């Protein structure tokens, strides 16, 4: 079951979003013409390189859906 999050913000050019949801700190809120945003991070882990991709797709009704995908790129060193 997903947890509900409350987002509050005042829009100004330098506005920050205050939210319990971590992805709201890196992505914009819905606006006209915005279709999708993507954030990719790479992290060294014992098994190799961890690639985390977070994609935010904006809906036509002013909402959005976030998807997080994690891939481990294994070490190839012998």
PDB file of N, CA and C in Angstrom:
ATOM      1  N   UNK A   1       0.852  -1.175   0.000  1.00  0.00           N
ATOM      2  CA  UNK A   1       0.000   0.000   0.000  1.00  0.00           C
ATOM      3  C   UNK A   1       0.895   1.235   0.000  1.00  0.00           C
ATOM      4  N   UNK A   2       0.602   2.220  -0.832  1.00  0.00           N
ATOM      5  CA  UNK A   2       1.432   3.413  -0.912  1.00  0.00           C
ATOM      6  C   UNK A   2       1.012   4.440   0.133  1.00  0.00           C
ATOM      7  N   UNK A   3       1.994   5.203   0.564  1.00  0.00           N
ATOM      8  CA  UNK A   3       1.763   6.256   1.541  1.00  0.00           C
ATOM      9  C   UNK A   3       1.394   7.542   0.806  1.00  0.00           C
ATOM     10  N   UNK A   4       0.415   8.259   1.309  1.00  0.00           N
ATOM     11  CA  UNK A   4       0.036   9.529   0.717  1.00  0.00           C
ATOM     12  C   UNK A   4       1.014  10.611   1.163  1.00  0.00           C
ATOM     13  N   UNK A   5       1.372  11.503   0.253  1.00  0.00           N
ATOM     14  CA  UNK A   5       2.286  12.583   0.553  1.00  0.00           C
ATOM     15  C   UNK A   5       1.592  13.910   0.291  1.00  0.00           C
ATOM     16  N   UNK A   6       1.927  14.893   1.093  1.00  0.00           N
ATOM     17  CA  UNK A   6       1.373  16.217   0.922  1.00  0.00           C
ATOM     18  C   UNK A   6       2.481  17.148   0.456  1.00  0.00           C
ATOM     19  N   UNK A   7       2.254  17.814  -0.656  1.00  0.00           N
ATOM     20  CA  UNK A   7       3.225  18.744  -1.201  1.00  0.00           C
ATOM     21  C   UNK A   7       2.656  20.144  -1.101  1.00  0.00           C
ATOM     22  N   UNK A   8       3.429  21.064  -0.548  1.00  0.00           N
ATOM     23  CA  UNK A   8       3.008  22.455  -0.492  1.00  0.00           C
ATOM     24  C   UNK A   8       4.132  23.308  -1.040  1.00  0.00           C
ATOM     25  N   UNK A   9       3.773  24.339  -1.780  1.00  0.00           N
ATOM     26  CA  UNK A   9       4.799  25.213  -2.346  1.00  0.00           C
ATOM     27  C   UNK A   9       4.185  26.551  -2.693  1.00  0.00           C
ATOM     28  N   UNK A  10       5.027  27.554  -2.695  1.00  0.00           N
ATOM     29  CA  UNK A  10       4.675  28.866  -3.196  1.00  0.00           C
ATOM     30  C   UNK A  10       5.528  29.091  -4.424  1.00  0.00           C
ATOM     31  N   UNK A  11       4.903  29.374  -5.554  1.00  0.00           N
ATOM     32  CA  UNK A  11       5.666  29.494  -6.788  1.00  0.00           C
ATOM     33  C   UNK A  11       6.303  30.866  -6.908  1.00  0.00           C
ATOM     34  N   UNK A  12       7.612  30.872  -6.966  1.00  0.00           N
ATOM     35  CA  UNK A  12       8.405  32.033  -7.351  1.00  0.00           C
ATOM     36  C   UNK A  12       9.536  31.473  -8.195  1.00  0.00           C
ATOM     37  N   UNK A  13      10.293  32.334  -8.817  1.00  0.00           N
ATOM     38  CA  UNK A  13      11.349  31.841  -9.695  1.00  0.00           C
ATOM     39  C   UNK A  13      12.321  30.935  -8.944  1.00  0.00           C
ATOM     40  N   UNK A  14      12.626  31.209  -7.707  1.00  0.00           N
ATOM     41  CA  UNK A  14      13.556  30.404  -6.921  1.00  0.00           C
ATOM     42  C   UNK A  14      12.870  29.509  -5.908  1.00  0.00           C
ATOM     43  N   UNK A  15      11.612  29.134  -6.171  1.00  0.00           N
ATOM     44  CA  UNK A  15      10.828  28.380  -5.192  1.00  0.00           C
ATOM     45  C   UNK A  15      11.397  26.991  -4.954  1.00  0.00           C
ATOM     46  N   UNK A  16      11.369  26.539  -3.720  1.00  0.00           N
ATOM     47  CA  UNK A  16      11.696  25.161  -3.342  1.00  0.00           C
ATOM     48  C   UNK A  16      10.409  24.493  -2.896  1.00  0.00           C
ATOM     49  N   UNK A  17      10.294  23.239  -3.174  1.00  0.00           N
ATOM     50  CA  UNK A  17       9.113  22.490  -2.782  1.00  0.00           C
ATOM     51  C   UNK A  17       9.378  21.818  -1.444  1.00  0.00           C
ATOM     52  N   UNK A  18       8.436  21.942  -0.517  1.00  0.00           N
ATOM     53  CA  UNK A  18       8.534  21.286   0.776  1.00  0.00           C
ATOM     54  C   UNK A  18       7.642  20.047   0.684  1.00  0.00           C
ATOM     55  N   UNK A  19       8.269  18.872   0.838  1.00  0.00           N
ATOM     56  CA  UNK A  19       7.517  17.633   0.638  1.00  0.00           C
ATOM     57  C   UNK A  19       8.147  16.516   1.446  1.00  0.00           C
ATOM     58  N   UNK A  20       7.337  15.515   1.797  1.00  0.00           N
ATOM     59  CA  UNK A  20       7.841  14.304   2.435  1.00  0.00           C
ATOM     60  C   UNK A  20       8.401  13.335   1.398  1.00  0.00           C
ATOM     61  N   UNK A  21       8.199  13.619   0.125  1.00  0.00           N
ATOM     62  CA  UNK A  21       8.569  12.718  -0.944  1.00  0.00           C
ATOM     63  C   UNK A  21       9.895  13.150  -1.548  1.00  0.00           C
ATOM     64  N   UNK A  22      10.915  12.302  -1.485  1.00  0.00           N
ATOM     65  CA  UNK A  22      12.280  12.690  -1.864  1.00  0.00           C
ATOM     66  C   UNK A  22      12.414  13.160  -3.307  1.00  0.00           C
ATOM     67  N   UNK A  23      11.626  12.641  -4.234  1.00  0.00           N
ATOM     68  CA  UNK A  23      11.786  13.032  -5.630  1.00  0.00           C
ATOM     69  C   UNK A  23      11.304  14.449  -5.916  1.00  0.00           C
ATOM     70  N   UNK A  24      10.470  15.012  -5.050  1.00  0.00           N
ATOM     71  CA  UNK A  24      10.026  16.386  -5.240  1.00  0.00           C
ATOM     72  C   UNK A  24      11.155  17.385  -5.058  1.00  0.00           C
ATOM     73  N   UNK A  25      12.264  16.968  -4.468  1.00  0.00           N
ATOM     74  CA  UNK A  25      13.404  17.872  -4.284  1.00  0.00           C
ATOM     75  C   UNK A  25      14.267  17.962  -5.546  1.00  0.00           C
ATOM     76  N   UNK A  26      14.122  17.040  -6.508  1.00  0.00           N
ATOM     77  CA  UNK A  26      14.934  17.096  -7.725  1.00  0.00           C
ATOM     78  C   UNK A  26      14.117  17.380  -8.983  1.00  0.00           C
ATOM     79  N   UNK A  27      12.814  17.159  -8.934  1.00  0.00           N
ATOM     80  CA  UNK A  27      11.976  17.369 -10.108  1.00  0.00           C
ATOM     81  C   UNK A  27      11.070  18.572  -9.939  1.00  0.00           C
ATOM     82  N   UNK A  28      10.656  19.116 -11.070  1.00  0.00           N
ATOM     83  CA  UNK A  28       9.700  20.215 -11.072  1.00  0.00           C
ATOM     84  C   UNK A  28       8.295  19.698 -10.782  1.00  0.00           C
ATOM     85  N   UNK A  29       7.435  20.608 -10.446  1.00  0.00           N
ATOM     86  CA  UNK A  29       6.015  20.306 -10.337  1.00  0.00           C
ATOM     87  C   UNK A  29       5.406  20.493 -11.727  1.00  0.00           C
ATOM     88  N   UNK A  30       4.221  19.928 -11.976  1.00  0.00           N
ATOM     89  CA  UNK A  30       3.622  20.028 -13.310  1.00  0.00           C
ATOM     90  C   UNK A  30       3.459  21.463 -13.779  1.00  0.00           C
ATOM     91  N   UNK A  31       3.711  21.657 -15.080  1.00  0.00           N
ATOM     92  CA  UNK A  31       3.493  22.955 -15.726  1.00  0.00           C
ATOM     93  C   UNK A  31       3.164  22.700 -17.191  1.00  0.00           C
ATOM     94  N   UNK A  32       2.573  23.675 -17.846  1.00  0.00           N
ATOM     95  CA  UNK A  32       2.179  23.526 -19.248  1.00  0.00           C
ATOM     96  C   UNK A  32       3.369  23.161 -20.110  1.00  0.00           C
ATOM     97  N   UNK A  33       3.181  22.138 -20.933  1.00  0.00           N
ATOM     98  CA  UNK A  33       4.201  21.742 -21.890  1.00  0.00           C
ATOM     99  C   UNK A  33       5.241  20.773 -21.378  1.00  0.00           C
ATOM    100  N   UNK A  34       5.333  20.572 -20.081  1.00  0.00           N
ATOM    101  CA  UNK A  34       6.332  19.668 -19.512  1.00  0.00           C
ATOM    102  C   UNK A  34       5.813  18.243 -19.615  1.00  0.00           C
ATOM    103  N   UNK A  35       6.574  17.373 -20.277  1.00  0.00           N
ATOM    104  CA  UNK A  35       6.129  16.015 -20.542  1.00  0.00           C
ATOM    105  C   UNK A  35       6.817  15.007 -19.632  1.00  0.00           C
ATOM    106  N   UNK A  36       8.154  15.100 -19.499  1.00  0.00           N
ATOM    107  CA  UNK A  36       8.901  14.095 -18.733  1.00  0.00           C
ATOM    108  C   UNK A  36      10.235  14.676 -18.281  1.00  0.00           C
ATOM    109  N   UNK A  37      10.712  14.212 -17.126  1.00  0.00           N
ATOM    110  CA  UNK A  37      12.045  14.525 -16.631  1.00  0.00           C
ATOM    111  C   UNK A  37      12.686  13.240 -16.155  1.00  0.00           C
ATOM    112  N   UNK A  38      14.026  13.187 -16.210  1.00  0.00           N
ATOM    113  CA  UNK A  38      14.743  11.983 -15.812  1.00  0.00           C
ATOM    114  C   UNK A  38      15.997  12.381 -15.039  1.00  0.00           C
ATOM    115  N   UNK A  39      16.276  11.641 -13.977  1.00  0.00           N
ATOM    116  CA  UNK A  39      17.457  11.864 -13.154  1.00  0.00           C
ATOM    117  C   UNK A  39      18.200  10.538 -13.044  1.00  0.00           C
ATOM    118  N   UNK A  40      19.490  10.532 -13.389  1.00  0.00           N
ATOM    119  CA  UNK A  40      20.300   9.315 -13.334  1.00  0.00           C
ATOM    120  C   UNK A  40      21.471   9.545 -12.396  1.00  0.00           C
ATOM    121  N   UNK A  41      21.691   8.591 -11.479  1.00  0.00           N
ATOM    122  CA  UNK A  41      22.854   8.665 -10.598  1.00  0.00           C
ATOM    123  C   UNK A  41      23.612   7.343 -10.664  1.00  0.00           C
ATOM    124  N   UNK A  42      24.920   7.424 -10.489  1.00  0.00           N
ATOM    125  CA  UNK A  42      25.797   6.259 -10.497  1.00  0.00           C
ATOM    126  C   UNK A  42      26.513   6.198  -9.158  1.00  0.00           C
ATOM    127  N   UNK A  43      26.615   4.997  -8.608  1.00  0.00           N
ATOM    128  CA  UNK A  43      27.214   4.809  -7.280  1.00  0.00           C
ATOM    129  C   UNK A  43      28.056   3.536  -7.288  1.00  0.00           C
ATOM    130  N   UNK A  44      29.288   3.635  -6.770  1.00  0.00           N
ATOM    131  CA  UNK A  44      30.119   2.438  -6.611  1.00  0.00           C
ATOM    132  C   UNK A  44      29.603   1.620  -5.441  1.00  0.00           C
ATOM    133  N   UNK A  45      29.340   0.336  -5.696  1.00  0.00           N
ATOM    134  CA  UNK A  45      28.909  -0.605  -4.669  1.00  0.00           C
ATOM    135  C   UNK A  45      29.793  -1.841  -4.787  1.00  0.00           C
ATOM    136  N   UNK A  46      29.858  -2.695  -3.767  1.00  0.00           N
ATOM    137  CA  UNK A  46      30.741  -3.865  -3.817  1.00  0.00           C
ATOM    138  C   UNK A  46      30.530  -4.757  -5.048  1.00  0.00           C
ATOM    139  N   UNK A  47      29.292  -4.863  -5.533  1.00  0.00           N
ATOM    140  CA  UNK A  47      29.010  -5.733  -6.677  1.00  0.00           C
ATOM    141  C   UNK A  47      29.379  -5.100  -8.019  1.00  0.00           C
ATOM    142  N   UNK A  48      29.632  -3.796  -8.048  1.00  0.00           N
ATOM    143  CA  UNK A  48      29.961  -3.097  -9.290  1.00  0.00           C
ATOM    144  C   UNK A  48      29.480  -1.662  -9.242  1.00  0.00           C
ATOM    145  N   UNK A  49      28.843  -1.223 -10.314  1.00  0.00           N
ATOM    146  CA  UNK A  49      28.326   0.137 -10.408  1.00  0.00           C
ATOM    147  C   UNK A  49      26.802   0.085 -10.363  1.00  0.00           C
ATOM    148  N   UNK A  50      26.224   0.835  -9.433  1.00  0.00           N
ATOM    149  CA  UNK A  50      24.765   0.888  -9.286  1.00  0.00           C
ATOM    150  C   UNK A  50      24.261   2.117 -10.037  1.00  0.00           C
ATOM    151  N   UNK A  51      23.358   1.883 -10.986  1.00  0.00           N
ATOM    152  CA  UNK A  51      22.750   2.965 -11.751  1.00  0.00           C
ATOM    153  C   UNK A  51      21.294   3.086 -11.318  1.00  0.00           C
ATOM    154  N   UNK A  52      20.924   4.260 -10.821  1.00  0.00           N
ATOM    155  CA  UNK A  52      19.554   4.527 -10.409  1.00  0.00           C
ATOM    156  C   UNK A  52      18.965   5.569 -11.353  1.00  0.00           C
ATOM    157  N   UNK A  53      17.872   5.213 -11.992  1.00  0.00           N
ATOM    158  CA  UNK A  53      17.188   6.129 -12.911  1.00  0.00           C
ATOM    159  C   UNK A  53      15.799   6.402 -12.358  1.00  0.00           C
ATOM    160  N   UNK A  54      15.516   7.680 -12.154  1.00  0.00           N
ATOM    161  CA  UNK A  54      14.187   8.091 -11.702  1.00  0.00           C
ATOM    162  C   UNK A  54      13.572   8.905 -12.835  1.00  0.00           C
ATOM    163  N   UNK A  55      12.407   8.476 -13.287  1.00  0.00           N
ATOM    164  CA  UNK A  55      11.709   9.157 -14.375  1.00  0.00           C
ATOM    165  C   UNK A  55      10.376   9.675 -13.864  1.00  0.00           C
ATOM    166  N   UNK A  56      10.138  10.952 -14.116  1.00  0.00           N
ATOM    167  CA  UNK A  56       8.849  11.559 -13.766  1.00  0.00           C
ATOM    168  C   UNK A  56       8.121  11.882 -15.062  1.00  0.00           C
ATOM    169  N   UNK A  57       6.952  11.238 -15.271  1.00  0.00           N
ATOM    170  CA  UNK A  57       6.115  11.495 -16.441  1.00  0.00           C
ATOM    171  C   UNK A  57       4.907  12.284 -15.992  1.00  0.00           C
ATOM    172  N   UNK A  58       4.689  13.406 -16.646  1.00  0.00           N
ATOM    173  CA  UNK A  58       3.589  14.288 -16.288  1.00  0.00           C
ATOM    174  C   UNK A  58       2.331  13.896 -17.062  1.00  0.00           C
ATOM    175  N   UNK A  59       1.207  13.931 -16.384  1.00  0.00           N
ATOM    176  CA  UNK A  59      -0.067  13.550 -16.993  1.00  0.00           C
ATOM    177  C   UNK A  59      -0.791  14.786 -17.513  1.00  0.00           C
ATOM    178  N   UNK A  60      -1.755  14.574 -18.359  1.00  0.00           N
ATOM    179  CA  UNK A  60      -2.500  15.695 -18.946  1.00  0.00           C
ATOM    180  C   UNK A  60      -3.438  16.370 -17.951  1.00  0.00           C
ATOM    181  N   UNK A  61      -3.719  15.709 -16.820  1.00  0.00           N
ATOM    182  CA  UNK A  61      -4.630  16.308 -15.833  1.00  0.00           C
ATOM    183  C   UNK A  61      -3.879  17.041 -14.716  1.00  0.00           C
ATOM    184  N   UNK A  62      -2.581  17.313 -14.905  1.00  0.00           N
ATOM    185  CA  UNK A  62      -1.819  18.085 -13.930  1.00  0.00           C
ATOM    186  C   UNK A  62      -1.119  17.259 -12.878  1.00  0.00           C
ATOM    187  N   UNK A  63      -1.124  15.957 -12.987  1.00  0.00           N
ATOM    188  CA  UNK A  63      -0.427  15.096 -12.036  1.00  0.00           C
ATOM    189  C   UNK A  63       0.868  14.569 -12.621  1.00  0.00           C
ATOM    190  N   UNK A  64       1.439  13.581 -11.954  1.00  0.00           N
ATOM    191  CA  UNK A  64       2.647  12.944 -12.455  1.00  0.00           C
ATOM    192  C   UNK A  64       2.791  11.563 -11.835  1.00  0.00           C
ATOM    193  N   UNK A  65       3.572  10.741 -12.506  1.00  0.00           N
ATOM    194  CA  UNK A  65       3.916   9.414 -12.013  1.00  0.00           C
ATOM    195  C   UNK A  65       5.426   9.293 -12.007  1.00  0.00           C
ATOM    196  N   UNK A  66       5.997   8.791 -10.910  1.00  0.00           N
ATOM    197  CA  UNK A  66       7.442   8.572 -10.795  1.00  0.00           C
ATOM    198  C   UNK A  66       7.727   7.081 -10.841  1.00  0.00           C
ATOM    199  N   UNK A  67       8.779   6.726 -11.567  1.00  0.00           N
ATOM    200  CA  UNK A  67       9.242   5.349 -11.644  1.00  0.00           C
ATOM    201  C   UNK A  67      10.732   5.348 -11.352  1.00  0.00           C
ATOM    202  N   UNK A  68      11.160   4.465 -10.439  1.00  0.00           N
ATOM    203  CA  UNK A  68      12.580   4.339 -10.096  1.00  0.00           C
ATOM    204  C   UNK A  68      13.050   2.957 -10.527  1.00  0.00           C
ATOM    205  N   UNK A  69      14.138   2.923 -11.305  1.00  0.00           N
ATOM    206  CA  UNK A  69      14.719   1.655 -11.768  1.00  0.00           C
ATOM    207  C   UNK A  69      16.177   1.597 -11.334  1.00  0.00           C
ATOM    208  N   UNK A  70      16.572   0.464 -10.758  1.00  0.00           N
ATOM    209  CA  UNK A  70      17.937   0.276 -10.300  1.00  0.00           C
ATOM    210  C   UNK A  70      18.557  -0.873 -11.093  1.00  0.00           C
ATOM    211  N   UNK A  71      19.741  -0.613 -11.644  1.00  0.00           N
ATOM    212  CA  UNK A  71      20.484  -1.616 -12.393  1.00  0.00           C
ATOM    213  C   UNK A  71      21.874  -1.710 -11.789  1.00  0.00           C
ATOM    214  N   UNK A  72      22.357  -2.934 -11.585  1.00  0.00           N
ATOM    215  CA  UNK A  72      23.734  -3.138 -11.138  1.00  0.00           C
ATOM    216  C   UNK A  72      24.559  -3.532 -12.349  1.00  0.00           C
ATOM    217  N   UNK A  73      25.546  -2.719 -12.654  1.00  0.00           N
ATOM    218  CA  UNK A  73      26.493  -3.023 -13.725  1.00  0.00           C
ATOM    219  C   UNK A  73      27.648  -3.752 -13.050  1.00  0.00           C
ATOM    220  N   UNK A  74      27.761  -5.082 -13.212  1.00  0.00           N
ATOM    221  CA  UNK A  74      28.695  -5.871 -12.428  1.00  0.00           C
ATOM    222  C   UNK A  74      30.159  -5.559 -12.724  1.00  0.00           C
ATOM    223  N   UNK A  75      30.995  -5.800 -11.688  1.00  0.00           N
ATOM    224  CA  UNK A  75      32.443  -5.667 -11.869  1.00  0.00           C
ATOM    225  C   UNK A  75      32.890  -6.670 -12.905  1.00  0.00           C
ATOM    226  N   UNK A  76      33.785  -6.247 -13.795  1.00  0.00           N
ATOM    227  CA  UNK A  76      34.310  -7.174 -14.794  1.00  0.00           C
ATOM    228  C   UNK A  76      35.790  -7.460 -14.566  1.00  0.00           C
ATOM    229  N   UNK A  77      36.332  -6.887 -13.512  1.00  0.00           N
ATOM    230  CA  UNK A  77      37.743  -7.132 -13.173  1.00  0.00           C
ATOM    231  C   UNK A  77      37.926  -8.531 -12.600  1.00  0.00           C
ATOM    232  N   UNK A  78      39.008  -9.173 -12.965  1.00  0.00           N
ATOM    233  CA  UNK A  78      39.325 -10.504 -12.427  1.00  0.00           C
ATOM    234  C   UNK A  78      40.384 -10.424 -11.362  1.00  0.00           C
TER     235      UNK A  78
END
